[in-house]
Amino acid sequence: MNKRIPITDIWVYLSGDPLFALIITLATYQLGYLLYVRAKRNPLVNPVAISVIFTCIIIEALEMPYEKYFEGAQFVHFLLGTATVALAVPIYNGFKRMQGKIFHIWVALTVGSTVSIASAVSIARWMGASDNIVGSMYAKSVTAPIAMGIAERLNVSPTMTAVFTVITGMLGAILAPYILNAVKVHQWWIRGTAIGVGAHGLGITRAFSVNEEAGVFASMAMGLNGVISAIGLPIVLTYLRPHLGF
């Protein structure tokens, strides 16, 4: 006679399996994407934001330690770097479209990145955040894999930086269409550049889902901003660090 296994024992087994964490990650994103499509790609129904919320609820309900979750989800984490390198393709293919727009894009990258860093750091200091949090804000304006690398060079928490970077990307992808519409920016290459600088990879996904030209310029903006920040930001902050207090 077969003995029935209590459902609680099954959950304990599953929660200890790294593969289960990967399934949770992929399944929650698929759910978020389906909701996004059903909502006619409304920016408020962001698939990544939905996936993050549901994933947090599930692993909290299962009492799964983050370390155990990351054992399975690290495959997706590994692909972040690969996806970032792959942005070289749209950047290369889009060079011809940049003719006559190089100066404008350069100004957008410089001003956008500077304002993003300065505003985030100023708000964090004004709210009394710790030095570790303030330091993590400096690198949060580029895509997550590059931001974490910059954070390591600045001797601040890469994990904290990644959290702020993802939050920035989600908010940018959700709010950017409304902000750009409010200021009456309708040219796709301008919208794409702004979203690429301000919302990183999540913004690129949103841009490509709406318009190809916007997606191409978002990819170029994020890629160029990432390269410039990875090289220049640690150098600049090395000289300014004694005056910045972190």
C-alpha atoms as a PDB file:
ATOM      1  CA  MET A   1       0.000   0.000   0.000  1.00  0.00           C
ATOM      2  CA  ASN A   2       1.404   3.350  -1.107  1.00  0.00           C
ATOM      3  CA  LYS A   3       1.957   5.879   1.613  1.00  0.00           C
ATOM      4  CA  ARG A   4       0.728   9.389   0.889  1.00  0.00           C
ATOM      5  CA  ILE A   5       3.323  12.121   1.165  1.00  0.00           C
ATOM      6  CA  PRO A   6       2.063  15.221   3.013  1.00  0.00           C
ATOM      7  CA  ILE A   7       1.877  18.299   0.803  1.00  0.00           C
ATOM      8  CA  THR A   8       4.041  20.183   3.317  1.00  0.00           C
ATOM      9  CA  ASP A   9       6.861  17.707   2.739  1.00  0.00           C
ATOM     10  CA  ILE A  10       6.605  18.301  -1.006  1.00  0.00           C
ATOM     11  CA  TRP A  11       6.933  22.071  -0.538  1.00  0.00           C
ATOM     12  CA  VAL A  12       9.922  21.588   1.742  1.00  0.00           C
ATOM     13  CA  TYR A  13      11.573  19.451  -0.930  1.00  0.00           C
ATOM     14  CA  LEU A  14      10.794  21.910  -3.730  1.00  0.00           C
ATOM     15  CA  SER A  15      11.927  24.957  -1.756  1.00  0.00           C
ATOM     16  CA  GLY A  16      15.305  23.309  -1.271  1.00  0.00           C
ATOM     17  CA  ASP A  17      15.813  22.592  -4.974  1.00  0.00           C
ATOM     18  CA  PRO A  18      17.742  25.316  -6.890  1.00  0.00           C
ATOM     19  CA  LEU A  19      15.832  24.425 -10.080  1.00  0.00           C
ATOM     20  CA  PHE A  20      12.600  25.404  -8.356  1.00  0.00           C
ATOM     21  CA  ALA A  21      13.968  28.936  -7.863  1.00  0.00           C
ATOM     22  CA  LEU A  22      14.656  29.207 -11.595  1.00  0.00           C
ATOM     23  CA  ILE A  23      11.126  27.991 -12.362  1.00  0.00           C
ATOM     24  CA  ILE A  24       9.704  30.641 -10.019  1.00  0.00           C
ATOM     25  CA  THR A  25      11.711  33.368 -11.763  1.00  0.00           C
ATOM     26  CA  LEU A  26      10.715  32.357 -15.285  1.00  0.00           C
ATOM     27  CA  ALA A  27       7.084  31.596 -14.414  1.00  0.00           C
ATOM     28  CA  THR A  28       6.472  34.910 -12.635  1.00  0.00           C
ATOM     29  CA  TYR A  29       8.014  36.851 -15.526  1.00  0.00           C
ATOM     30  CA  GLN A  30       5.873  34.948 -18.024  1.00  0.00           C
ATOM     31  CA  LEU A  31       2.815  35.810 -15.944  1.00  0.00           C
ATOM     32  CA  GLY A  32       3.863  39.452 -15.854  1.00  0.00           C
ATOM     33  CA  TYR A  33       4.414  39.508 -19.618  1.00  0.00           C
ATOM     34  CA  LEU A  34       0.999  37.948 -20.301  1.00  0.00           C
ATOM     35  CA  LEU A  35      -0.645  40.599 -18.120  1.00  0.00           C
ATOM     36  CA  TYR A  36       1.381  43.269 -19.935  1.00  0.00           C
ATOM     37  CA  VAL A  37       0.147  42.062 -23.336  1.00  0.00           C
ATOM     38  CA  ARG A  38      -3.469  41.742 -22.130  1.00  0.00           C
ATOM     39  CA  ALA A  39      -3.250  45.320 -20.849  1.00  0.00           C
ATOM     40  CA  LYS A  40      -2.290  46.382 -24.393  1.00  0.00           C
ATOM     41  CA  ARG A  41       1.294  47.077 -23.291  1.00  0.00           C
ATOM     42  CA  ASN A  42       0.278  49.685 -20.760  1.00  0.00           C
ATOM     43  CA  PRO A  43       3.512  50.936 -19.114  1.00  0.00           C
ATOM     44  CA  LEU A  44       1.878  50.714 -15.688  1.00  0.00           C
ATOM     45  CA  VAL A  45       1.634  46.927 -16.109  1.00  0.00           C
ATOM     46  CA  ASN A  46       5.385  46.398 -16.156  1.00  0.00           C
ATOM     47  CA  PRO A  47       6.231  42.669 -16.454  1.00  0.00           C
ATOM     48  CA  VAL A  48       9.476  42.955 -14.473  1.00  0.00           C
ATOM     49  CA  ALA A  49       7.784  44.804 -11.615  1.00  0.00           C
ATOM     50  CA  ILE A  50       5.044  42.157 -11.529  1.00  0.00           C
ATOM     51  CA  SER A  51       7.637  39.372 -11.585  1.00  0.00           C
ATOM     52  CA  VAL A  52       9.597  40.944  -8.707  1.00  0.00           C
ATOM     53  CA  ILE A  53       6.472  41.324  -6.561  1.00  0.00           C
ATOM     54  CA  PHE A  54       5.243  37.769  -7.133  1.00  0.00           C
ATOM     55  CA  THR A  55       8.715  36.277  -6.675  1.00  0.00           C
ATOM     56  CA  CYS A  56       9.126  38.067  -3.332  1.00  0.00           C
ATOM     57  CA  ILE A  57       5.706  36.851  -2.190  1.00  0.00           C
ATOM     58  CA  ILE A  58       6.449  33.234  -3.166  1.00  0.00           C
ATOM     59  CA  ILE A  59       9.904  32.925  -1.614  1.00  0.00           C
ATOM     60  CA  GLU A  60       8.647  34.672   1.528  1.00  0.00           C
ATOM     61  CA  ALA A  61       5.686  32.279   1.761  1.00  0.00           C
ATOM     62  CA  LEU A  62       8.022  29.310   1.305  1.00  0.00           C
ATOM     63  CA  GLU A  63      10.524  30.791   3.779  1.00  0.00           C
ATOM     64  CA  MET A  64      13.208  30.203   1.175  1.00  0.00           C
ATOM     65  CA  PRO A  65      16.531  31.889   2.080  1.00  0.00           C
ATOM     66  CA  TYR A  66      17.780  34.327  -0.535  1.00  0.00           C
ATOM     67  CA  GLU A  67      21.014  32.368  -0.874  1.00  0.00           C
ATOM     68  CA  LYS A  68      19.027  29.244  -1.801  1.00  0.00           C
ATOM     69  CA  TYR A  69      16.885  31.209  -4.247  1.00  0.00           C
ATOM     70  CA  PHE A  70      19.953  32.699  -5.911  1.00  0.00           C
ATOM     71  CA  GLU A  71      21.463  29.237  -6.472  1.00  0.00           C
ATOM     72  CA  GLY A  72      18.739  28.640  -9.027  1.00  0.00           C
ATOM     73  CA  ALA A  73      18.230  32.199 -10.266  1.00  0.00           C
ATOM     74  CA  GLN A  74      21.936  32.849 -10.857  1.00  0.00           C
ATOM     75  CA  PHE A  75      21.596  31.438 -14.393  1.00  0.00           C
ATOM     76  CA  VAL A  76      19.375  34.410 -15.252  1.00  0.00           C
ATOM     77  CA  HIS A  77      21.839  36.671 -13.430  1.00  0.00           C
ATOM     78  CA  PHE A  78      24.641  35.294 -15.605  1.00  0.00           C
ATOM     79  CA  LEU A  79      22.688  36.176 -18.750  1.00  0.00           C
ATOM     80  CA  LEU A  80      22.591  39.840 -17.698  1.00  0.00           C
ATOM     81  CA  GLY A  81      26.227  40.223 -18.664  1.00  0.00           C
ATOM     82  CA  THR A  82      25.705  38.365 -21.931  1.00  0.00           C
ATOM     83  CA  ALA A  83      22.704  40.537 -22.811  1.00  0.00           C
ATOM     84  CA  THR A  84      24.697  43.692 -22.079  1.00  0.00           C
ATOM     85  CA  VAL A  85      27.531  42.631 -24.376  1.00  0.00           C
ATOM     86  CA  ALA A  86      24.966  41.748 -27.051  1.00  0.00           C
ATOM     87  CA  LEU A  87      23.904  45.401 -27.115  1.00  0.00           C
ATOM     88  CA  ALA A  88      26.959  45.932 -29.321  1.00  0.00           C
ATOM     89  CA  VAL A  89      24.842  44.598 -32.204  1.00  0.00           C
ATOM     90  CA  PRO A  90      22.094  47.284 -32.179  1.00  0.00           C
ATOM     91  CA  ILE A  91      24.735  49.941 -31.446  1.00  0.00           C
ATOM     92  CA  TYR A  92      26.713  48.866 -34.515  1.00  0.00           C
ATOM     93  CA  ASN A  93      23.614  48.583 -36.691  1.00  0.00           C
ATOM     94  CA  GLY A  94      22.369  51.972 -35.543  1.00  0.00           C
ATOM     95  CA  PHE A  95      25.512  53.996 -36.253  1.00  0.00           C
ATOM     96  CA  LYS A  96      24.134  55.220 -39.585  1.00  0.00           C
ATOM     97  CA  ARG A  97      21.023  56.495 -37.856  1.00  0.00           C
ATOM     98  CA  MET A  98      23.225  58.550 -35.543  1.00  0.00           C
ATOM     99  CA  GLN A  99      24.523  60.742 -38.366  1.00  0.00           C
ATOM    100  CA  GLY A 100      23.711  64.351 -37.581  1.00  0.00           C
ATOM    101  CA  LYS A 101      22.637  63.426 -34.059  1.00  0.00           C
ATOM    102  CA  ILE A 102      25.996  62.712 -32.384  1.00  0.00           C
ATOM    103  CA  PHE A 103      26.166  66.051 -30.574  1.00  0.00           C
ATOM    104  CA  HIS A 104      22.593  65.798 -29.306  1.00  0.00           C
ATOM    105  CA  ILE A 105      23.129  62.245 -28.057  1.00  0.00           C
ATOM    106  CA  TRP A 106      26.392  63.204 -26.361  1.00  0.00           C
ATOM    107  CA  VAL A 107      24.706  66.102 -24.548  1.00  0.00           C
ATOM    108  CA  ALA A 108      21.806  63.825 -23.527  1.00  0.00           C
ATOM    109  CA  LEU A 109      24.193  61.204 -22.156  1.00  0.00           C
ATOM    110  CA  THR A 110      26.306  63.714 -20.228  1.00  0.00           C
ATOM    111  CA  VAL A 111      23.473  65.806 -18.795  1.00  0.00           C
ATOM    112  CA  GLY A 112      21.140  62.846 -18.184  1.00  0.00           C
ATOM    113  CA  SER A 113      23.708  60.773 -16.332  1.00  0.00           C
ATOM    114  CA  THR A 114      25.020  63.734 -14.302  1.00  0.00           C
ATOM    115  CA  VAL A 115      21.560  64.893 -13.235  1.00  0.00           C
ATOM    116  CA  SER A 116      20.540  61.326 -12.376  1.00  0.00           C
ATOM    117  CA  ILE A 117      23.544  60.820 -10.108  1.00  0.00           C
ATOM    118  CA  ALA A 118      23.437  64.279  -8.518  1.00  0.00           C
ATOM    119  CA  SER A 119      19.712  64.174  -7.782  1.00  0.00           C
ATOM    120  CA  ALA A 120      19.791  60.640  -6.328  1.00  0.00           C
ATOM    121  CA  VAL A 121      22.817  61.349  -4.119  1.00  0.00           C
ATOM    122  CA  SER A 122      21.419  64.712  -2.958  1.00  0.00           C
ATOM    123  CA  ILE A 123      18.048  63.198  -2.031  1.00  0.00           C
ATOM    124  CA  ALA A 124      19.723  60.292  -0.211  1.00  0.00           C
ATOM    125  CA  ARG A 125      21.903  62.665   1.811  1.00  0.00           C
ATOM    126  CA  TRP A 126      18.943  64.950   2.555  1.00  0.00           C
ATOM    127  CA  MET A 127      17.013  61.950   3.910  1.00  0.00           C
ATOM    128  CA  GLY A 128      19.932  60.965   6.146  1.00  0.00           C
ATOM    129  CA  ALA A 129      20.924  57.766   4.312  1.00  0.00           C
ATOM    130  CA  SER A 130      24.043  55.898   5.380  1.00  0.00           C
ATOM    131  CA  ASP A 131      27.337  56.306   3.511  1.00  0.00           C
ATOM    132  CA  ASN A 132      26.948  52.824   2.007  1.00  0.00           C
ATOM    133  CA  ILE A 133      23.576  53.720   0.502  1.00  0.00           C
ATOM    134  CA  VAL A 134      24.808  57.091  -0.735  1.00  0.00           C
ATOM    135  CA  GLY A 135      27.864  55.438  -2.304  1.00  0.00           C
ATOM    136  CA  SER A 136      25.653  52.891  -4.060  1.00  0.00           C
ATOM    137  CA  MET A 137      23.657  55.719  -5.647  1.00  0.00           C
ATOM    138  CA  TYR A 138      26.621  56.859  -7.738  1.00  0.00           C
ATOM    139  CA  ALA A 139      26.595  53.749  -9.911  1.00  0.00           C
ATOM    140  CA  LYS A 140      22.856  53.123 -10.155  1.00  0.00           C
ATOM    141  CA  SER A 141      22.475  55.166 -13.356  1.00  0.00           C
ATOM    142  CA  VAL A 142      23.796  52.439 -15.690  1.00  0.00           C
ATOM    143  CA  THR A 143      22.634  48.902 -16.418  1.00  0.00           C
ATOM    144  CA  ALA A 144      22.935  46.396 -13.561  1.00  0.00           C
ATOM    145  CA  PRO A 145      25.998  44.331 -14.647  1.00  0.00           C
ATOM    146  CA  ILE A 146      28.067  47.456 -15.292  1.00  0.00           C
ATOM    147  CA  ALA A 147      26.728  49.192 -12.176  1.00  0.00           C
ATOM    148  CA  MET A 148      27.786  46.254  -9.990  1.00  0.00           C
ATOM    149  CA  GLY A 149      31.267  46.331 -11.504  1.00  0.00           C
ATOM    150  CA  ILE A 150      31.557  50.066 -10.822  1.00  0.00           C
ATOM    151  CA  ALA A 151      30.309  49.525  -7.264  1.00  0.00           C
ATOM    152  CA  GLU A 152      33.093  47.008  -6.623  1.00  0.00           C
ATOM    153  CA  ARG A 153      35.681  49.506  -7.830  1.00  0.00           C
ATOM    154  CA  LEU A 154      34.172  52.147  -5.539  1.00  0.00           C
ATOM    155  CA  ASN A 155      34.189  49.688  -2.593  1.00  0.00           C
ATOM    156  CA  VAL A 156      30.442  49.999  -2.032  1.00  0.00           C
ATOM    157  CA  SER A 157      27.812  47.254  -1.959  1.00  0.00           C
ATOM    158  CA  PRO A 158      27.209  45.742  -5.432  1.00  0.00           C
ATOM    159  CA  THR A 159      23.992  44.164  -4.143  1.00  0.00           C
ATOM    160  CA  MET A 160      22.631  47.487  -2.929  1.00  0.00           C
ATOM    161  CA  THR A 161      23.646  49.107  -6.199  1.00  0.00           C
ATOM    162  CA  ALA A 162      21.860  46.399  -8.192  1.00  0.00           C
ATOM    163  CA  VAL A 163      18.675  46.949  -6.151  1.00  0.00           C
ATOM    164  CA  PHE A 164      18.717  50.697  -6.822  1.00  0.00           C
ATOM    165  CA  THR A 165      19.513  50.104 -10.497  1.00  0.00           C
ATOM    166  CA  VAL A 166      16.571  47.735 -10.983  1.00  0.00           C
ATOM    167  CA  ILE A 167      14.210  50.088  -9.136  1.00  0.00           C
ATOM    168  CA  THR A 168      15.424  52.967 -11.333  1.00  0.00           C
ATOM    169  CA  GLY A 169      14.839  50.893 -14.464  1.00  0.00           C
ATOM    170  CA  MET A 170      11.333  49.856 -13.421  1.00  0.00           C
ATOM    171  CA  LEU A 171      10.277  53.387 -12.508  1.00  0.00           C
ATOM    172  CA  GLY A 172      11.809  54.745 -15.708  1.00  0.00           C
ATOM    173  CA  ALA A 173      10.067  52.182 -17.911  1.00  0.00           C
ATOM    174  CA  ILE A 174       6.724  52.887 -16.204  1.00  0.00           C
ATOM    175  CA  LEU A 175       6.872  56.680 -15.972  1.00  0.00           C
ATOM    176  CA  ALA A 176       8.929  57.678 -19.033  1.00  0.00           C
ATOM    177  CA  PRO A 177       6.060  57.521 -21.589  1.00  0.00           C
ATOM    178  CA  TYR A 178       3.892  59.783 -19.446  1.00  0.00           C
ATOM    179  CA  ILE A 179       6.711  62.260 -18.774  1.00  0.00           C
ATOM    180  CA  LEU A 180       7.760  62.406 -22.436  1.00  0.00           C
ATOM    181  CA  ASN A 181       4.151  62.897 -23.510  1.00  0.00           C
ATOM    182  CA  ALA A 182       3.719  65.643 -20.914  1.00  0.00           C
ATOM    183  CA  VAL A 183       6.714  67.591 -22.264  1.00  0.00           C
ATOM    184  CA  LYS A 184       5.512  66.897 -25.827  1.00  0.00           C
ATOM    185  CA  VAL A 185       8.496  64.876 -27.009  1.00  0.00           C
ATOM    186  CA  HIS A 186       7.214  62.745 -29.884  1.00  0.00           C
ATOM    187  CA  GLN A 187      10.278  61.956 -32.027  1.00  0.00           C
ATOM    188  CA  TRP A 188      11.090  58.295 -31.524  1.00  0.00           C
ATOM    189  CA  TRP A 189      14.877  58.691 -31.543  1.00  0.00           C
ATOM    190  CA  ILE A 190      14.688  61.313 -28.790  1.00  0.00           C
ATOM    191  CA  ARG A 191      12.282  59.231 -26.717  1.00  0.00           C
ATOM    192  CA  GLY A 192      14.500  56.180 -27.150  1.00  0.00           C
ATOM    193  CA  THR A 193      17.659  58.041 -26.135  1.00  0.00           C
ATOM    194  CA  ALA A 194      16.005  59.441 -23.013  1.00  0.00           C
ATOM    195  CA  ILE A 195      14.633  56.050 -21.980  1.00  0.00           C
ATOM    196  CA  GLY A 196      17.973  54.328 -22.616  1.00  0.00           C
ATOM    197  CA  VAL A 197      19.820  56.780 -20.366  1.00  0.00           C
ATOM    198  CA  GLY A 198      17.193  56.865 -17.640  1.00  0.00           C
ATOM    199  CA  ALA A 199      15.702  53.373 -17.584  1.00  0.00           C
ATOM    200  CA  HIS A 200      18.514  51.025 -18.710  1.00  0.00           C
ATOM    201  CA  GLY A 201      17.640  47.524 -19.938  1.00  0.00           C
ATOM    202  CA  LEU A 202      14.039  47.633 -18.744  1.00  0.00           C
ATOM    203  CA  GLY A 203      13.564  50.850 -20.673  1.00  0.00           C
ATOM    204  CA  ILE A 204      15.001  49.239 -23.791  1.00  0.00           C
ATOM    205  CA  THR A 205      12.494  46.405 -23.553  1.00  0.00           C
ATOM    206  CA  ARG A 206       9.688  48.926 -23.248  1.00  0.00           C
ATOM    207  CA  ALA A 207      11.053  51.010 -26.170  1.00  0.00           C
ATOM    208  CA  PHE A 208      11.365  48.032 -28.537  1.00  0.00           C
ATOM    209  CA  SER A 209       7.818  46.916 -27.684  1.00  0.00           C
ATOM    210  CA  VAL A 210       6.513  50.286 -28.896  1.00  0.00           C
ATOM    211  CA  ASN A 211       8.775  51.331 -31.783  1.00  0.00           C
ATOM    212  CA  GLU A 212      11.897  49.853 -33.408  1.00  0.00           C
ATOM    213  CA  GLU A 213      13.680  53.201 -33.829  1.00  0.00           C
ATOM    214  CA  ALA A 214      13.081  54.042 -30.186  1.00  0.00           C
ATOM    215  CA  GLY A 215      14.477  50.643 -29.201  1.00  0.00           C
ATOM    216  CA  VAL A 216      17.614  51.078 -31.320  1.00  0.00           C
ATOM    217  CA  PHE A 217      18.403  54.503 -29.873  1.00  0.00           C
ATOM    218  CA  ALA A 218      17.601  53.301 -26.346  1.00  0.00           C
ATOM    219  CA  SER A 219      20.097  50.448 -26.834  1.00  0.00           C
ATOM    220  CA  MET A 220      22.766  52.805 -28.140  1.00  0.00           C
ATOM    221  CA  ALA A 221      22.195  55.311 -25.341  1.00  0.00           C
ATOM    222  CA  MET A 222      22.363  52.686 -22.607  1.00  0.00           C
ATOM    223  CA  GLY A 223      25.411  50.995 -24.111  1.00  0.00           C
ATOM    224  CA  LEU A 224      27.357  54.219 -24.604  1.00  0.00           C
ATOM    225  CA  ASN A 225      26.353  55.511 -21.176  1.00  0.00           C
ATOM    226  CA  GLY A 226      27.499  52.239 -19.631  1.00  0.00           C
ATOM    227  CA  VAL A 227      30.903  52.336 -21.354  1.00  0.00           C
ATOM    228  CA  ILE A 228      31.514  55.995 -20.516  1.00  0.00           C
ATOM    229  CA  SER A 229      30.400  55.531 -16.893  1.00  0.00           C
ATOM    230  CA  ALA A 230      32.445  52.347 -16.389  1.00  0.00           C
ATOM    231  CA  ILE A 231      35.604  54.164 -17.508  1.00  0.00           C
ATOM    232  CA  GLY A 232      35.012  57.694 -16.301  1.00  0.00           C
ATOM    233  CA  LEU A 233      32.982  57.428 -13.088  1.00  0.00           C
ATOM    234  CA  PRO A 234      35.589  55.582 -10.953  1.00  0.00           C
ATOM    235  CA  ILE A 235      38.293  58.003 -12.142  1.00  0.00           C
ATOM    236  CA  VAL A 236      36.237  61.112 -11.389  1.00  0.00           C
ATOM    237  CA  LEU A 237      35.080  59.825  -7.997  1.00  0.00           C
ATOM    238  CA  THR A 238      38.640  58.865  -7.031  1.00  0.00           C
ATOM    239  CA  TYR A 239      39.602  62.539  -7.148  1.00  0.00           C
ATOM    240  CA  LEU A 240      36.342  63.822  -5.678  1.00  0.00           C
ATOM    241  CA  ARG A 241      35.900  61.159  -2.985  1.00  0.00           C
ATOM    242  CA  PRO A 242      37.692  63.092  -0.184  1.00  0.00           C
ATOM    243  CA  HIS A 243      35.161  65.891  -0.689  1.00  0.00           C
ATOM    244  CA  LEU A 244      32.096  63.667  -1.083  1.00  0.00           C
ATOM    245  CA  GLY A 245      32.303  61.929   2.275  1.00  0.00           C
ATOM    246  CA  PHE A 246      31.650  58.278   1.379  1.00  0.00           C
END
